[in-house]
Amino acid sequence: MNPVLRKVALLSAAASILVFFLFLLLGIPAVDPRGHPIASSAIAVSIFLIPVGYIYDKQQSAIKDAERRLPDFLRDLSNYSIFGLPMAEAVKMAASNDYGHLSPEIRDLGNKISVGLPVDEALETFGDKTGSADIRRVGRIIQKASESGNNTYDVVTLISDFNAQMALMRDTRRSEMQNYILVLLIALGVFIFVILIIDIGFFPKIKVTNFGSIGLPGNTNIRPLIERIFDVGIYVQGVGIGGIAGLLRDGRLRSGMLITGAILLVSALILIGAGVA
């Protein structure tokens, strides 16, 4: 785990536990774990998931931006070959350009070459700063092409075209997946609305139900139990949607942490506000 993300996770976990115990000590009726364990637990979990998910998404966004700018860097290297520049000089010239989140990686590469490190050795750590496997892979390919004595610029051009096509495909897929995620969130909103209608409009009209015929004591009030079941259903669906959102975005469950945390927090606040938590 990234050191920054690990630190945020530890702080968020501590804050989550602290908030839960504050709810317990203060005894606020709406969020007291003794009376509303599900709602208070959902809020505590969201306090952990939202900061961690935000930092994780921010880091992944930086990685995706670096991968998106990689073809631009490779294309510039290829263009410099037109002027007959060797690879070392081309990299140093490219280091002065702006490539977004990829710029620190390229500047580091240029600095290593400037102090006399051969291009082949400098490329060994290319991509380590961004943490992108795709960028590291490109660095290894260029390194091997340079070591083999082939026309490195031809390899760079091919890699640039391939990565540009892959970036376009990823962006298109990501845009399509956003629509599916939106549909899932709308479905959750409709589900919450229906549950609120049942809790607020239907249950008050059924105060007491006689279950003596099935072996339960007469005048058994099962409304609190059913409400808790409905509440659990909302939170379970929210967690499921968050996980699916992560899988749709990039195939990783942890990419849905921010969405999951937000759903849990909003759902809990809605149920608490409606007085049915």
Protein backbone atom coordinates (compact mmCIF):
# COMPACT_ATOMS: atom_id res chain seq x y z
CA MET A 1 0.00 0.00 0.00
CA ASN A 2 1.17 3.52 -0.81
CA PRO A 3 2.67 5.20 2.32
CA VAL A 4 0.32 8.19 2.03
CA LEU A 5 -2.69 5.92 1.62
CA ARG A 6 -1.57 3.78 4.56
CA LYS A 7 -1.29 6.87 6.78
CA VAL A 8 -4.74 8.11 5.73
CA ALA A 9 -6.19 4.64 6.34
CA LEU A 10 -4.79 4.53 9.88
CA LEU A 11 -6.06 8.03 10.69
CA SER A 12 -9.47 7.27 9.19
CA ALA A 13 -9.74 4.03 11.14
CA ALA A 14 -8.91 5.87 14.37
CA ALA A 15 -11.47 8.59 13.57
CA SER A 16 -14.10 5.97 12.76
CA ILE A 17 -13.61 4.16 16.06
CA LEU A 18 -13.57 7.46 17.96
CA VAL A 19 -16.84 8.62 16.40
CA PHE A 20 -18.51 5.30 17.20
CA PHE A 21 -17.52 5.53 20.87
CA LEU A 22 -18.59 9.19 20.97
CA PHE A 23 -22.02 8.13 19.76
CA LEU A 24 -22.03 5.55 22.54
CA LEU A 25 -20.89 7.93 25.27
CA LEU A 26 -23.02 10.93 24.29
CA GLY A 27 -26.13 8.81 23.91
CA ILE A 28 -27.65 10.96 21.15
CA PRO A 29 -30.99 9.22 20.49
CA ALA A 30 -30.77 9.28 16.69
CA VAL A 31 -27.29 7.71 16.51
CA ASP A 32 -26.93 5.85 19.81
CA PRO A 33 -25.42 2.42 18.93
CA ARG A 34 -27.49 0.81 21.69
CA GLY A 35 -30.72 1.85 20.00
CA HIS A 36 -29.58 2.24 16.39
CA PRO A 37 -26.56 -0.03 15.88
CA ILE A 38 -26.98 -0.26 12.12
CA ALA A 39 -27.12 3.48 11.42
CA SER A 40 -24.29 4.34 13.80
CA SER A 41 -22.11 1.57 12.36
CA ALA A 42 -22.83 2.75 8.80
CA ILE A 43 -21.74 6.29 9.69
CA ALA A 44 -18.58 5.02 11.39
CA VAL A 45 -17.68 2.85 8.38
CA SER A 46 -18.32 5.75 5.99
CA ILE A 47 -15.93 7.93 8.02
CA PHE A 48 -13.23 5.36 7.25
CA LEU A 49 -14.13 4.71 3.61
CA ILE A 50 -14.62 8.27 2.34
CA PRO A 51 -11.13 9.70 3.10
CA VAL A 52 -9.37 6.48 2.07
CA GLY A 53 -11.45 6.23 -1.10
CA TYR A 54 -10.84 9.89 -1.94
CA ILE A 55 -7.06 9.59 -1.61
CA TYR A 56 -7.05 6.31 -3.53
CA ASP A 57 -9.13 7.79 -6.35
CA LYS A 58 -6.89 10.85 -6.46
CA GLN A 59 -3.79 8.69 -6.77
CA GLN A 60 -5.39 6.53 -9.45
CA SER A 61 -6.45 9.66 -11.34
CA ALA A 62 -2.83 10.85 -11.31
CA ILE A 63 -1.66 7.47 -12.62
CA LYS A 64 -4.27 7.49 -15.39
CA ASP A 65 -3.26 11.04 -16.37
CA ALA A 66 0.40 9.96 -16.54
CA GLU A 67 -0.54 6.97 -18.71
CA ARG A 68 -2.64 9.23 -20.93
CA ARG A 69 0.31 11.59 -21.46
CA LEU A 70 2.81 8.79 -22.14
CA PRO A 71 2.05 8.67 -25.91
CA ASP A 72 2.75 12.42 -26.11
CA PHE A 73 6.19 11.89 -24.55
CA LEU A 74 6.97 8.98 -26.86
CA ARG A 75 5.77 10.94 -29.88
CA ASP A 76 8.08 13.81 -28.98
CA LEU A 77 11.01 11.43 -28.69
CA SER A 78 10.18 10.05 -32.11
CA ASN A 79 9.92 13.53 -33.61
CA TYR A 80 13.32 14.51 -32.21
CA SER A 81 14.81 11.65 -34.20
CA ILE A 82 14.01 13.60 -37.35
CA PHE A 83 16.77 16.02 -36.35
CA GLY A 84 19.17 13.15 -35.73
CA LEU A 85 19.32 13.60 -31.98
CA PRO A 86 20.57 10.62 -29.96
CA MET A 87 18.18 9.17 -27.37
CA ALA A 88 19.97 10.82 -24.42
CA GLU A 89 19.64 14.31 -25.93
CA ALA A 90 16.05 13.67 -26.96
CA VAL A 91 15.11 12.69 -23.40
CA LYS A 92 16.78 15.79 -21.96
CA MET A 93 14.91 18.01 -24.40
CA ALA A 94 11.61 16.29 -23.64
CA ALA A 95 12.21 16.79 -19.90
CA SER A 96 11.60 20.52 -20.37
CA ASN A 97 8.09 19.90 -21.74
CA ASP A 98 4.89 19.62 -19.70
CA TYR A 99 3.38 16.14 -19.53
CA GLY A 100 1.10 16.57 -16.55
CA HIS A 101 1.58 13.94 -13.87
CA LEU A 102 4.17 12.22 -16.05
CA SER A 103 6.50 15.25 -15.92
CA PRO A 104 8.25 14.33 -12.61
CA GLU A 105 9.07 10.91 -14.03
CA ILE A 106 10.56 12.38 -17.20
CA ARG A 107 12.47 15.10 -15.34
CA ASP A 108 13.97 12.43 -13.10
CA LEU A 109 14.96 10.45 -16.18
CA GLY A 110 16.50 13.55 -17.75
CA ASN A 111 18.43 14.38 -14.56
CA LYS A 112 19.94 10.91 -14.40
CA ILE A 113 21.08 11.16 -18.01
CA SER A 114 22.46 14.67 -17.42
CA VAL A 115 24.79 13.42 -14.68
CA GLY A 116 26.23 10.81 -17.03
CA LEU A 117 24.06 7.75 -16.42
CA PRO A 118 23.52 5.73 -19.63
CA VAL A 119 20.01 5.74 -21.05
CA ASP A 120 19.72 1.98 -20.60
CA GLU A 121 20.40 2.21 -16.85
CA ALA A 122 18.27 5.32 -16.38
CA LEU A 123 15.27 3.53 -17.89
CA GLU A 124 15.44 0.76 -15.28
CA THR A 125 13.50 2.90 -12.78
CA PHE A 126 11.26 4.62 -15.33
CA GLY A 127 7.68 4.46 -14.02
CA ASP A 128 8.55 3.86 -10.37
CA LYS A 129 7.50 7.36 -9.28
CA THR A 130 4.04 7.07 -10.83
CA GLY A 131 3.55 3.46 -9.74
CA SER A 132 2.12 2.54 -13.15
CA ALA A 133 2.84 -0.94 -14.45
CA ASP A 134 2.15 0.21 -18.03
CA ILE A 135 4.74 3.00 -17.82
CA ARG A 136 7.31 0.65 -16.31
CA ARG A 137 6.61 -1.84 -19.09
CA VAL A 138 7.21 0.81 -21.76
CA GLY A 139 10.50 1.75 -20.11
CA ARG A 140 11.63 -1.89 -20.18
CA ILE A 141 10.71 -2.27 -23.85
CA ILE A 142 12.66 0.84 -24.86
CA GLN A 143 15.56 -0.33 -22.71
CA LYS A 144 15.65 -3.75 -24.39
CA ALA A 145 15.36 -2.18 -27.85
CA SER A 146 18.29 0.11 -27.09
CA GLU A 147 20.37 -2.76 -25.73
CA SER A 148 19.70 -4.93 -28.79
CA GLY A 149 20.98 -2.26 -31.16
CA ASN A 150 17.72 -2.00 -33.12
CA ASN A 151 16.31 1.28 -34.37
CA THR A 152 15.05 2.52 -31.02
CA TYR A 153 13.00 5.33 -32.53
CA ASP A 154 10.98 2.88 -34.65
CA VAL A 155 10.15 0.97 -31.46
CA VAL A 156 9.23 4.22 -29.71
CA THR A 157 6.88 5.16 -32.57
CA LEU A 158 5.13 1.77 -32.46
CA ILE A 159 4.74 1.94 -28.69
CA SER A 160 3.41 5.49 -28.93
CA ASP A 161 0.71 4.51 -31.43
CA PHE A 162 -0.24 1.43 -29.42
CA ASN A 163 -0.50 3.32 -26.12
CA ALA A 164 -2.53 6.11 -27.75
CA GLN A 165 -5.05 3.54 -28.99
CA MET A 166 -5.18 1.82 -25.60
CA ALA A 167 -5.72 5.16 -23.82
CA LEU A 168 -8.60 5.96 -26.17
CA MET A 169 -10.17 2.56 -25.52
CA ARG A 170 -9.83 2.97 -21.75
CA ASP A 171 -11.40 6.44 -21.83
CA THR A 172 -14.29 5.16 -23.96
CA ARG A 173 -14.87 2.21 -21.66
CA ARG A 174 -14.70 4.42 -18.57
CA SER A 175 -17.29 6.78 -20.05
CA GLU A 176 -19.63 3.89 -20.82
CA MET A 177 -19.23 2.41 -17.35
CA GLN A 178 -20.19 5.74 -15.76
CA ASN A 179 -23.65 5.33 -17.29
CA TYR A 180 -24.07 1.90 -15.70
CA ILE A 181 -22.98 3.28 -12.32
CA LEU A 182 -25.52 6.09 -12.65
CA VAL A 183 -28.28 3.55 -13.35
CA LEU A 184 -27.30 1.60 -10.22
CA LEU A 185 -27.39 4.75 -8.09
CA ILE A 186 -30.82 5.69 -9.45
CA ALA A 187 -32.07 2.17 -8.64
CA LEU A 188 -30.76 2.55 -5.08
CA GLY A 189 -32.50 5.93 -4.76
CA VAL A 190 -35.80 4.39 -5.88
CA PHE A 191 -35.32 1.53 -3.40
CA ILE A 192 -34.72 3.95 -0.53
CA PHE A 193 -37.78 5.97 -1.55
CA VAL A 194 -39.98 2.86 -1.54
CA ILE A 195 -38.66 1.81 1.88
CA LEU A 196 -39.39 5.28 3.27
CA ILE A 197 -42.94 5.14 1.91
CA ILE A 198 -43.45 1.76 3.58
CA ASP A 199 -41.91 2.89 6.89
CA ILE A 200 -43.68 6.24 7.06
CA GLY A 201 -46.97 5.59 5.29
CA PHE A 202 -47.72 1.91 5.76
CA PHE A 203 -46.33 0.79 9.12
CA PRO A 204 -48.06 3.47 11.24
CA LYS A 205 -51.40 2.02 10.10
CA ILE A 206 -50.42 -1.43 11.36
CA LYS A 207 -49.62 -0.97 15.01
CA VAL A 208 -50.07 -4.49 16.31
CA THR A 209 -50.37 -7.83 14.53
CA ASN A 210 -51.64 -11.07 16.05
CA PHE A 211 -49.37 -14.01 15.27
CA GLY A 212 -50.90 -16.50 17.68
CA SER A 213 -51.95 -18.72 14.80
CA ILE A 214 -48.30 -19.46 13.93
CA GLY A 215 -47.11 -20.04 17.48
CA LEU A 216 -45.93 -16.52 18.40
CA PRO A 217 -47.39 -14.58 21.32
CA GLY A 218 -50.43 -12.54 20.45
CA ASN A 219 -50.18 -8.80 19.91
CA THR A 220 -46.59 -9.12 18.66
CA ASN A 221 -45.27 -5.86 17.29
CA ILE A 222 -42.80 -6.79 14.52
CA ARG A 223 -42.52 -3.32 13.00
CA PRO A 224 -39.04 -2.58 14.53
CA LEU A 225 -37.73 -5.93 13.27
CA ILE A 226 -38.99 -5.37 9.73
CA GLU A 227 -37.63 -1.83 9.71
CA ARG A 228 -34.20 -3.13 10.73
CA ILE A 229 -34.35 -5.72 7.96
CA PHE A 230 -35.20 -3.01 5.44
CA ASP A 231 -32.38 -0.81 6.75
CA VAL A 232 -29.91 -3.66 6.42
CA GLY A 233 -31.16 -4.24 2.87
CA ILE A 234 -30.42 -0.62 1.98
CA TYR A 235 -26.88 -0.77 3.37
CA VAL A 236 -26.16 -4.14 1.79
CA GLN A 237 -27.34 -2.86 -1.57
CA GLY A 238 -25.23 0.26 -1.11
CA VAL A 239 -22.10 -1.79 -0.40
CA GLY A 240 -22.87 -4.00 -3.39
CA ILE A 241 -23.29 -1.02 -5.70
CA GLY A 242 -20.02 0.48 -4.44
CA GLY A 243 -18.18 -2.77 -5.13
CA ILE A 244 -19.73 -3.14 -8.59
CA ALA A 245 -18.85 0.49 -9.35
CA GLY A 246 -15.21 -0.25 -8.53
CA LEU A 247 -15.21 -3.32 -10.76
CA LEU A 248 -16.80 -1.41 -13.61
CA ARG A 249 -14.29 1.44 -13.33
CA ASP A 250 -11.05 -0.55 -13.42
CA GLY A 251 -11.74 -4.07 -12.23
CA ARG A 252 -10.81 -3.39 -8.58
CA LEU A 253 -13.21 -3.50 -5.64
CA ARG A 254 -11.18 -0.88 -3.77
CA SER A 255 -11.92 1.64 -6.52
CA GLY A 256 -15.47 1.75 -5.18
CA MET A 257 -14.54 2.73 -1.61
CA LEU A 258 -15.45 6.39 -2.03
CA ILE A 259 -18.82 5.59 -3.62
CA THR A 260 -19.54 2.97 -0.97
CA GLY A 261 -18.72 5.37 1.86
CA ALA A 262 -20.83 8.14 0.35
CA ILE A 263 -23.80 5.79 -0.14
CA LEU A 264 -23.60 4.54 3.45
CA LEU A 265 -23.38 8.07 4.86
CA VAL A 266 -26.20 9.50 2.74
CA SER A 267 -28.44 6.47 3.37
CA ALA A 268 -27.88 6.70 7.12
CA LEU A 269 -28.61 10.44 7.17
CA ILE A 270 -31.79 9.97 5.13
CA LEU A 271 -33.07 7.21 7.40
CA ILE A 272 -32.15 9.17 10.54
CA GLY A 273 -33.78 12.32 9.16
CA ALA A 274 -36.95 10.37 8.36
CA GLY A 275 -36.94 8.88 11.87
CA VAL A 276 -36.84 5.27 10.67
CA ALA A 277 -33.13 4.43 11.24
